[in-house]
Amino acid sequence: MSLTQARKQEIFEAYQIHPTDTGSADVQVAVLSERISRLSQHLQQNKKDFASRTGLLRLIGQRKRLLAYILKQDRDRYKALIERLGIRG
């Protein structure tokens, strides 16, 4: 369920704003989206894992707050990010 360091590095390189960026809101949303995806797959196989379900809801809330922040800062960047991630219909 957790991400390997190599996978995190791939996400950093794909979504970073500048070469040393590992903590911008865009990168954080991308990492959270990957974790949410993996956790969702886990929960499809393990339907009674309620502790993981709670963690999933916490991650979704955190991603929602970060996306709201990005939307408030720059609407175009927000639209580009959700399109790249394939979230929000």
Foldseek 3Di string as FASTA:
>chain_A
DADDPVVLVVLCVVQPPDDVDCDQLLSLLSRLLVVLVVLVVVCVVVVPPVVSVVVSVVSVVVSVVSLVVCCVVDVVVSVVSCVVSVDDD
